[in-house]
Amino acid sequence: MLKDSRLLRVFNVVLQRLLTDILTAELAVHDLSKAQYDALRYVAHTDVHASRCDISSLASALGTSVPAATKMADRLQAAGWLERQDAPHDRRHTLLKLTAQGEAVIDQLAGCTERALQKFLEQLPTAERVQLVSGVSSFLKHALQQPNLQNICLYCGETHASECPLAVD
């Protein structure tokens, strides 16, 4: 069993490194940090789901303080990717919304890691690819029974659709 857990740990490190390298290269083209990208994705996610994103919810989603989230929003607004709007029912509240430029950046970056992973998976023999996907699906099915993982889509910023890998049977 120890060998299995080490293998999974190495798999996690390799996958993280691979995805980080791919995403970092793409983000550099747009002069975005990973934290800024995560913030933009979260704002986009809340906008798509007709919920409201304010500084407090952004801070919570990013796991940071309200002052740090405020500074992040300031930088994103200065770059032209984010705008602030008064809340319709309470002018003391400020809502965050992507600008057209922010939406364009998110659209351009959407799927860059998925495309890279798909290219890598296509290099595997079919039987190995099927086995890997089956094993990962089974792992997720059991892992997502943990209460702290059930709302993961709210934090990763991805839309939870029927084809989402987290919607395992």
Foldseek 3Di string as FASTA:
>chain_A
DVVVVVVVVVVVVVLVVLLCVQLVVLVVVVVDDPLLLLLLLLQVLCVVVVHWAFLVLSCVLSVHDSVVSVVSQVVCVVVQQKDWDQDPVHNVTITIHTDPVNVVSNVVSPCSSVVVVVVVLVVDPPVVSVVVLVVVLVVLVVVCVDPVNVPVCSNNSDDDDCPDSNVRD
